[in-house]
Amino acid sequence: MLDVIQISYHEPYADDNFELLQLFAPHAKRVQGVEGIFNAHKAAAELAETRNFYVIDADAIIDEKFDFNFTPGPSKEQWPGVYETECVFVWRSQNPVNDLLYGYGGAKLFPRKALIEAKDWNVDMTTSIGCPFVPKFQVSNITAFNTDPFNAWRSAFRECAKLASSIIENGDNTDNEYRLKVWQTKGANRLNGEYAILGAKQGADFGRAYSKKPKTLNLINDFEWLKETFDAAT
């Protein structure tokens, strides 16, 4: 069975979600408190012992129908000349604020070697380490990012900045515009939904303003900057 690694960085329910994860993957491991998303994923790759490994975010509540049985084949082609073991697979998750179902916050399966050798990345972890991106359409979890005002705002800000900037390679702009609209308009009556909507609107503005300035756009991965921006906005 492939390694399963939870990545956490001060999420309020990380311990509870890890206990739930262990019901589905008793051998699951953790990377805790590593600053920077790129650094945390590199640490997960170093911890992994299998050729490919799953990454689960700490705010993920695993769906009861999901399992970790999918194993990419080293001789099975995803596309001509591209083998499954060379790809990044991303499952869908359910958004608890606006009910969107897509790859945001879903389970991910990475090739260990490519992640260890990665020197840099382009804002979005799953699409910028030089590996083909493959969406999987099963729902793996609920992404419970709305546990408190800051986490709700931060998650929406980061995701909508990515969507609005079109930084995700080979992204579908029609899908992106639809998701942006939903993020900015749906779920005000849900837990911390008003903060998610505020973050979505401000993140979309930020993404459009700095779409051609990746260094500035990469501030969405600086959690101290995000906290300062949230405090100023609220």
C-alpha atoms as a PDB file:
ATOM      1  CA  MET A   1       0.000   0.000   0.000  1.00  0.00           C
ATOM      2  CA  LEU A   2       1.273   3.469  -0.854  1.00  0.00           C
ATOM      3  CA  ASP A   3       2.298   5.911   1.852  1.00  0.00           C
ATOM      4  CA  VAL A   4      -0.340   8.391   3.006  1.00  0.00           C
ATOM      5  CA  ILE A   5       0.932  11.608   4.589  1.00  0.00           C
ATOM      6  CA  GLN A   6      -1.069  14.370   6.248  1.00  0.00           C
ATOM      7  CA  ILE A   7       0.425  17.856   5.989  1.00  0.00           C
ATOM      8  CA  SER A   8      -0.583  20.219   8.792  1.00  0.00           C
ATOM      9  CA  TYR A   9       0.273  23.776   9.750  1.00  0.00           C
ATOM     10  CA  HIS A  10      -1.658  24.818  12.862  1.00  0.00           C
ATOM     11  CA  GLU A  11      -5.076  23.756  11.549  1.00  0.00           C
ATOM     12  CA  PRO A  12      -7.499  23.630  14.521  1.00  0.00           C
ATOM     13  CA  TYR A  13      -8.754  20.079  13.894  1.00  0.00           C
ATOM     14  CA  ALA A  14      -5.623  18.510  12.433  1.00  0.00           C
ATOM     15  CA  ASP A  15      -5.358  15.916  15.217  1.00  0.00           C
ATOM     16  CA  ASP A  16      -9.013  14.879  14.919  1.00  0.00           C
ATOM     17  CA  ASN A  17      -8.768  14.633  11.145  1.00  0.00           C
ATOM     18  CA  PHE A  18      -5.582  12.584  11.418  1.00  0.00           C
ATOM     19  CA  GLU A  19      -7.339  10.109  13.716  1.00  0.00           C
ATOM     20  CA  LEU A  20     -10.110   9.795  11.129  1.00  0.00           C
ATOM     21  CA  LEU A  21      -7.549   9.384   8.364  1.00  0.00           C
ATOM     22  CA  GLN A  22      -6.004   6.464  10.252  1.00  0.00           C
ATOM     23  CA  LEU A  23      -9.304   4.582  10.036  1.00  0.00           C
ATOM     24  CA  PHE A  24      -8.854   4.563   6.250  1.00  0.00           C
ATOM     25  CA  ALA A  25      -5.050   4.365   6.214  1.00  0.00           C
ATOM     26  CA  PRO A  26      -3.725   2.938   9.517  1.00  0.00           C
ATOM     27  CA  HIS A  27      -0.150   3.419   8.279  1.00  0.00           C
ATOM     28  CA  ALA A  28      -0.638   7.176   7.681  1.00  0.00           C
ATOM     29  CA  LYS A  29       2.196   9.549   8.602  1.00  0.00           C
ATOM     30  CA  ARG A  30       2.336  13.283   9.365  1.00  0.00           C
ATOM     31  CA  VAL A  31       4.361  16.360   8.472  1.00  0.00           C
ATOM     32  CA  GLN A  32       3.623  19.052  11.052  1.00  0.00           C
ATOM     33  CA  GLY A  33       4.540  22.704  11.356  1.00  0.00           C
ATOM     34  CA  VAL A  34       6.859  23.000   8.349  1.00  0.00           C
ATOM     35  CA  GLU A  35       6.663  26.607   7.167  1.00  0.00           C
ATOM     36  CA  GLY A  36       5.899  27.050   3.485  1.00  0.00           C
ATOM     37  CA  ILE A  37       3.730  24.803   1.324  1.00  0.00           C
ATOM     38  CA  PHE A  38       6.593  23.881  -0.983  1.00  0.00           C
ATOM     39  CA  ASN A  39       8.824  22.991   1.976  1.00  0.00           C
ATOM     40  CA  ALA A  40       6.075  20.943   3.595  1.00  0.00           C
ATOM     41  CA  HIS A  41       5.540  18.897   0.444  1.00  0.00           C
ATOM     42  CA  LYS A  42       9.288  18.368   0.090  1.00  0.00           C
ATOM     43  CA  ALA A  43       9.352  17.136   3.707  1.00  0.00           C
ATOM     44  CA  ALA A  44       6.504  14.749   2.892  1.00  0.00           C
ATOM     45  CA  ALA A  45       8.468  13.389  -0.065  1.00  0.00           C
ATOM     46  CA  GLU A  46      11.493  12.820   2.179  1.00  0.00           C
ATOM     47  CA  LEU A  47       9.297  11.012   4.706  1.00  0.00           C
ATOM     48  CA  ALA A  48       7.641   8.797   2.091  1.00  0.00           C
ATOM     49  CA  GLU A  49       9.103   5.378   1.399  1.00  0.00           C
ATOM     50  CA  THR A  50       7.021   4.408  -1.618  1.00  0.00           C
ATOM     51  CA  ARG A  51       7.559   5.457  -5.228  1.00  0.00           C
ATOM     52  CA  ASN A  52       4.306   7.437  -5.221  1.00  0.00           C
ATOM     53  CA  PHE A  53       2.532   8.739  -2.140  1.00  0.00           C
ATOM     54  CA  TYR A  54      -0.727  10.373  -1.117  1.00  0.00           C
ATOM     55  CA  VAL A  55      -0.893  13.826   0.473  1.00  0.00           C
ATOM     56  CA  ILE A  56      -3.892  14.756   2.604  1.00  0.00           C
ATOM     57  CA  ASP A  57      -4.433  18.282   3.892  1.00  0.00           C
ATOM     58  CA  ALA A  58      -5.049  18.649   7.622  1.00  0.00           C
ATOM     59  CA  ASP A  59      -8.510  20.151   7.087  1.00  0.00           C
ATOM     60  CA  ALA A  60      -9.652  17.121   5.057  1.00  0.00           C
ATOM     61  CA  ILE A  61     -12.454  14.980   6.476  1.00  0.00           C
ATOM     62  CA  ILE A  62     -12.156  11.750   4.507  1.00  0.00           C
ATOM     63  CA  ASP A  63     -15.282  10.524   2.728  1.00  0.00           C
ATOM     64  CA  GLU A  64     -16.459   7.154   3.992  1.00  0.00           C
ATOM     65  CA  LYS A  65     -16.520   5.743   0.446  1.00  0.00           C
ATOM     66  CA  PHE A  66     -12.950   6.712  -0.345  1.00  0.00           C
ATOM     67  CA  ASP A  67      -9.983   4.375  -0.098  1.00  0.00           C
ATOM     68  CA  PHE A  68      -6.290   4.556  -0.910  1.00  0.00           C
ATOM     69  CA  ASN A  69      -6.174   1.499  -3.133  1.00  0.00           C
ATOM     70  CA  PHE A  70      -5.301   3.241  -6.396  1.00  0.00           C
ATOM     71  CA  THR A  71      -1.698   2.517  -7.309  1.00  0.00           C
ATOM     72  CA  PRO A  72      -0.249   3.959 -10.537  1.00  0.00           C
ATOM     73  CA  GLY A  73       1.382   1.408 -12.788  1.00  0.00           C
ATOM     74  CA  PRO A  74       5.043   1.871 -13.825  1.00  0.00           C
ATOM     75  CA  SER A  75       4.296   0.260 -17.192  1.00  0.00           C
ATOM     76  CA  LYS A  76       0.788   1.643 -17.692  1.00  0.00           C
ATOM     77  CA  GLU A  77       0.628   4.701 -19.933  1.00  0.00           C
ATOM     78  CA  GLN A  78      -1.586   7.615 -18.930  1.00  0.00           C
ATOM     79  CA  TRP A  79      -0.841   9.136 -22.328  1.00  0.00           C
ATOM     80  CA  PRO A  80       1.493   7.892 -25.059  1.00  0.00           C
ATOM     81  CA  GLY A  81       4.984   7.863 -23.554  1.00  0.00           C
ATOM     82  CA  VAL A  82       3.780   9.135 -20.155  1.00  0.00           C
ATOM     83  CA  TYR A  83       3.398   6.514 -17.449  1.00  0.00           C
ATOM     84  CA  GLU A  84       1.026   6.724 -14.497  1.00  0.00           C
ATOM     85  CA  THR A  85       3.869   6.779 -11.997  1.00  0.00           C
ATOM     86  CA  GLU A  86       5.099  10.057 -13.520  1.00  0.00           C
ATOM     87  CA  CYS A  87       1.798  11.907 -12.984  1.00  0.00           C
ATOM     88  CA  VAL A  88       0.168  13.916 -10.194  1.00  0.00           C
ATOM     89  CA  PHE A  89      -3.360  12.663  -9.502  1.00  0.00           C
ATOM     90  CA  VAL A  90      -5.900  14.873  -7.716  1.00  0.00           C
ATOM     91  CA  TRP A  91      -9.298  13.764  -6.417  1.00  0.00           C
ATOM     92  CA  ARG A  92     -12.322  15.970  -5.867  1.00  0.00           C
ATOM     93  CA  SER A  93     -13.413  17.388  -2.539  1.00  0.00           C
ATOM     94  CA  GLN A  94     -16.652  18.936  -1.340  1.00  0.00           C
ATOM     95  CA  ASN A  95     -16.626  22.582  -0.307  1.00  0.00           C
ATOM     96  CA  PRO A  96     -18.676  22.970   2.922  1.00  0.00           C
ATOM     97  CA  VAL A  97     -19.481  26.642   2.267  1.00  0.00           C
ATOM     98  CA  ASN A  98     -20.609  26.708  -1.369  1.00  0.00           C
ATOM     99  CA  ASP A  99     -20.918  22.975  -2.249  1.00  0.00           C
ATOM    100  CA  LEU A 100     -18.488  23.121  -5.186  1.00  0.00           C
ATOM    101  CA  LEU A 101     -17.019  19.742  -6.143  1.00  0.00           C
ATOM    102  CA  TYR A 102     -13.567  19.841  -7.751  1.00  0.00           C
ATOM    103  CA  GLY A 103      -9.900  19.329  -6.959  1.00  0.00           C
ATOM    104  CA  TYR A 104      -9.558  22.120  -4.403  1.00  0.00           C
ATOM    105  CA  GLY A 105      -8.459  20.457  -1.151  1.00  0.00           C
ATOM    106  CA  GLY A 106      -8.792  16.927  -2.492  1.00  0.00           C
ATOM    107  CA  ALA A 107      -6.464  13.979  -1.966  1.00  0.00           C
ATOM    108  CA  LYS A 108      -3.321  14.130  -4.093  1.00  0.00           C
ATOM    109  CA  LEU A 109      -0.959  11.448  -5.301  1.00  0.00           C
ATOM    110  CA  PHE A 110       2.593  12.572  -6.085  1.00  0.00           C
ATOM    111  CA  PRO A 111       5.624  10.885  -7.640  1.00  0.00           C
ATOM    112  CA  ARG A 112       8.224  10.968  -4.870  1.00  0.00           C
ATOM    113  CA  LYS A 113      11.317  11.403  -7.061  1.00  0.00           C
ATOM    114  CA  ALA A 114       9.933  14.400  -8.977  1.00  0.00           C
ATOM    115  CA  LEU A 115       8.943  16.178  -5.788  1.00  0.00           C
ATOM    116  CA  ILE A 116      12.289  15.558  -4.094  1.00  0.00           C
ATOM    117  CA  GLU A 117      14.121  16.901  -7.154  1.00  0.00           C
ATOM    118  CA  ALA A 118      11.877  19.964  -7.587  1.00  0.00           C
ATOM    119  CA  LYS A 119      13.812  23.208  -7.123  1.00  0.00           C
ATOM    120  CA  ASP A 120      11.021  25.709  -7.460  1.00  0.00           C
ATOM    121  CA  TRP A 121       7.315  25.954  -8.083  1.00  0.00           C
ATOM    122  CA  ASN A 122       4.841  28.331  -9.629  1.00  0.00           C
ATOM    123  CA  VAL A 123       2.306  29.235  -6.892  1.00  0.00           C
ATOM    124  CA  ASP A 124       0.241  26.043  -7.253  1.00  0.00           C
ATOM    125  CA  MET A 125       1.878  22.899  -5.897  1.00  0.00           C
ATOM    126  CA  THR A 126       0.059  20.262  -7.926  1.00  0.00           C
ATOM    127  CA  THR A 127       0.551  21.734 -11.385  1.00  0.00           C
ATOM    128  CA  SER A 128       4.055  23.139 -11.369  1.00  0.00           C
ATOM    129  CA  ILE A 129       6.607  20.451 -10.489  1.00  0.00           C
ATOM    130  CA  GLY A 130       6.985  19.263 -14.064  1.00  0.00           C
ATOM    131  CA  CYS A 131       4.564  16.330 -13.873  1.00  0.00           C
ATOM    132  CA  PRO A 132       1.368  15.829 -15.888  1.00  0.00           C
ATOM    133  CA  PHE A 133      -1.768  16.646 -13.902  1.00  0.00           C
ATOM    134  CA  VAL A 134      -4.554  14.040 -13.904  1.00  0.00           C
ATOM    135  CA  PRO A 135      -7.953  14.779 -12.311  1.00  0.00           C
ATOM    136  CA  LYS A 136      -9.802  11.930 -10.598  1.00  0.00           C
ATOM    137  CA  PHE A 137     -13.554  12.370 -10.336  1.00  0.00           C
ATOM    138  CA  GLN A 138     -14.306  10.515  -7.123  1.00  0.00           C
ATOM    139  CA  VAL A 139     -14.855  12.691  -4.031  1.00  0.00           C
ATOM    140  CA  SER A 140     -12.149  11.977  -1.471  1.00  0.00           C
ATOM    141  CA  ASN A 141     -13.144  14.317   1.350  1.00  0.00           C
ATOM    142  CA  ILE A 142     -14.823  17.418   2.654  1.00  0.00           C
ATOM    143  CA  THR A 143     -12.339  20.297   2.886  1.00  0.00           C
ATOM    144  CA  ALA A 144     -13.376  21.787   6.222  1.00  0.00           C
ATOM    145  CA  PHE A 145     -11.492  25.063   5.847  1.00  0.00           C
ATOM    146  CA  ASN A 146     -14.197  27.196   7.463  1.00  0.00           C
ATOM    147  CA  THR A 147     -13.439  26.340  11.085  1.00  0.00           C
ATOM    148  CA  ASP A 148     -12.836  29.981  12.049  1.00  0.00           C
ATOM    149  CA  PRO A 149     -12.954  33.390  10.342  1.00  0.00           C
ATOM    150  CA  PHE A 150      -9.270  33.561   9.409  1.00  0.00           C
ATOM    151  CA  ASN A 151      -9.021  30.067   7.958  1.00  0.00           C
ATOM    152  CA  ALA A 152     -12.229  30.596   5.972  1.00  0.00           C
ATOM    153  CA  TRP A 153     -10.951  33.898   4.570  1.00  0.00           C
ATOM    154  CA  ARG A 154      -7.410  32.619   3.922  1.00  0.00           C
ATOM    155  CA  SER A 155      -8.504  29.514   2.059  1.00  0.00           C
ATOM    156  CA  ALA A 156     -10.925  31.436  -0.154  1.00  0.00           C
ATOM    157  CA  PHE A 157      -8.397  34.208  -0.814  1.00  0.00           C
ATOM    158  CA  ARG A 158      -5.670  31.768  -1.883  1.00  0.00           C
ATOM    159  CA  GLU A 159      -7.899  29.660  -4.112  1.00  0.00           C
ATOM    160  CA  CYS A 160      -9.588  32.578  -5.845  1.00  0.00           C
ATOM    161  CA  ALA A 161      -6.267  34.319  -6.445  1.00  0.00           C
ATOM    162  CA  LYS A 162      -5.143  31.179  -8.296  1.00  0.00           C
ATOM    163  CA  LEU A 163      -8.368  30.919 -10.273  1.00  0.00           C
ATOM    164  CA  ALA A 164      -8.457  34.603 -11.222  1.00  0.00           C
ATOM    165  CA  SER A 165      -4.782  34.780 -12.207  1.00  0.00           C
ATOM    166  CA  SER A 166      -5.025  31.727 -14.511  1.00  0.00           C
ATOM    167  CA  ILE A 167      -1.709  30.631 -13.004  1.00  0.00           C
ATOM    168  CA  ILE A 168      -2.780  26.971 -13.099  1.00  0.00           C
ATOM    169  CA  GLU A 169      -1.335  25.476 -16.266  1.00  0.00           C
ATOM    170  CA  ASN A 170      -3.881  24.092 -18.735  1.00  0.00           C
ATOM    171  CA  GLY A 171      -6.726  25.278 -16.533  1.00  0.00           C
ATOM    172  CA  ASP A 172     -10.200  25.591 -18.047  1.00  0.00           C
ATOM    173  CA  ASN A 173     -11.048  29.291 -17.976  1.00  0.00           C
ATOM    174  CA  THR A 174     -14.769  28.598 -18.287  1.00  0.00           C
ATOM    175  CA  ASP A 175     -14.667  26.354 -15.222  1.00  0.00           C
ATOM    176  CA  ASN A 176     -12.485  28.868 -13.405  1.00  0.00           C
ATOM    177  CA  GLU A 177     -14.919  31.735 -14.012  1.00  0.00           C
ATOM    178  CA  TYR A 178     -17.847  29.627 -12.837  1.00  0.00           C
ATOM    179  CA  ARG A 179     -16.008  28.578  -9.675  1.00  0.00           C
ATOM    180  CA  LEU A 180     -14.964  32.162  -9.001  1.00  0.00           C
ATOM    181  CA  LYS A 181     -18.573  33.304  -9.230  1.00  0.00           C
ATOM    182  CA  VAL A 182     -19.728  30.597  -6.816  1.00  0.00           C
ATOM    183  CA  TRP A 183     -16.917  31.298  -4.331  1.00  0.00           C
ATOM    184  CA  GLN A 184     -17.876  34.991  -4.291  1.00  0.00           C
ATOM    185  CA  THR A 185     -21.650  34.601  -4.025  1.00  0.00           C
ATOM    186  CA  LYS A 186     -22.683  31.337  -2.322  1.00  0.00           C
ATOM    187  CA  GLY A 187     -22.734  30.209   1.287  1.00  0.00           C
ATOM    188  CA  ALA A 188     -23.096  33.361   3.358  1.00  0.00           C
ATOM    189  CA  ASN A 189     -25.414  31.445   5.689  1.00  0.00           C
ATOM    190  CA  ARG A 190     -22.868  28.650   6.298  1.00  0.00           C
ATOM    191  CA  LEU A 191     -20.333  28.577   9.129  1.00  0.00           C
ATOM    192  CA  ASN A 192     -17.953  31.524   8.548  1.00  0.00           C
ATOM    193  CA  GLY A 193     -19.365  31.805   5.053  1.00  0.00           C
ATOM    194  CA  GLU A 194     -19.265  35.609   5.052  1.00  0.00           C
ATOM    195  CA  TYR A 195     -15.505  35.480   5.653  1.00  0.00           C
ATOM    196  CA  ALA A 196     -15.063  32.970   2.837  1.00  0.00           C
ATOM    197  CA  ILE A 197     -16.972  35.246   0.453  1.00  0.00           C
ATOM    198  CA  LEU A 198     -14.921  38.270   1.532  1.00  0.00           C
ATOM    199  CA  GLY A 199     -11.691  36.326   1.016  1.00  0.00           C
ATOM    200  CA  ALA A 200     -12.891  35.094  -2.372  1.00  0.00           C
ATOM    201  CA  LYS A 201     -13.624  38.614  -3.601  1.00  0.00           C
ATOM    202  CA  GLN A 202     -10.347  40.034  -2.345  1.00  0.00           C
ATOM    203  CA  GLY A 203      -8.368  37.040  -3.610  1.00  0.00           C
ATOM    204  CA  ALA A 204      -9.913  37.349  -7.062  1.00  0.00           C
ATOM    205  CA  ASP A 205      -8.959  41.034  -7.190  1.00  0.00           C
ATOM    206  CA  PHE A 206      -5.425  40.192  -6.068  1.00  0.00           C
ATOM    207  CA  GLY A 207      -5.071  37.397  -8.615  1.00  0.00           C
ATOM    208  CA  ARG A 208      -6.173  39.563 -11.510  1.00  0.00           C
ATOM    209  CA  ALA A 209      -3.974  42.481 -10.414  1.00  0.00           C
ATOM    210  CA  TYR A 210      -0.810  40.390 -10.142  1.00  0.00           C
ATOM    211  CA  SER A 211      -1.389  37.662 -12.731  1.00  0.00           C
ATOM    212  CA  LYS A 212       1.767  38.726 -14.587  1.00  0.00           C
ATOM    213  CA  LYS A 213       3.854  39.139 -11.437  1.00  0.00           C
ATOM    214  CA  PRO A 214       4.388  35.620 -10.042  1.00  0.00           C
ATOM    215  CA  LYS A 215       6.697  36.733  -7.227  1.00  0.00           C
ATOM    216  CA  THR A 216       4.004  39.006  -5.848  1.00  0.00           C
ATOM    217  CA  LEU A 217       1.299  36.433  -6.510  1.00  0.00           C
ATOM    218  CA  ASN A 218       3.291  33.917  -4.500  1.00  0.00           C
ATOM    219  CA  LEU A 219       2.476  35.955  -1.373  1.00  0.00           C
ATOM    220  CA  ILE A 220      -0.655  33.821  -1.162  1.00  0.00           C
ATOM    221  CA  ASN A 221       1.637  31.119   0.248  1.00  0.00           C
ATOM    222  CA  ASP A 222       3.076  33.406   2.944  1.00  0.00           C
ATOM    223  CA  PHE A 223       0.828  32.789   5.937  1.00  0.00           C
ATOM    224  CA  GLU A 224       2.185  35.727   7.940  1.00  0.00           C
ATOM    225  CA  TRP A 225       1.370  38.091   5.053  1.00  0.00           C
ATOM    226  CA  LEU A 226      -2.079  36.526   4.768  1.00  0.00           C
ATOM    227  CA  LYS A 227      -2.754  37.110   8.479  1.00  0.00           C
ATOM    228  CA  GLU A 228      -1.693  40.748   8.179  1.00  0.00           C
ATOM    229  CA  THR A 229      -3.907  41.177   5.116  1.00  0.00           C
ATOM    230  CA  PHE A 230      -6.849  39.541   6.881  1.00  0.00           C
ATOM    231  CA  ASP A 231      -6.440  41.757   9.941  1.00  0.00           C
ATOM    232  CA  ALA A 232      -6.371  44.848   7.732  1.00  0.00           C
ATOM    233  CA  ALA A 233      -9.453  43.698   5.809  1.00  0.00           C
ATOM    234  CA  THR A 234     -11.580  42.902   8.836  1.00  0.00           C
END
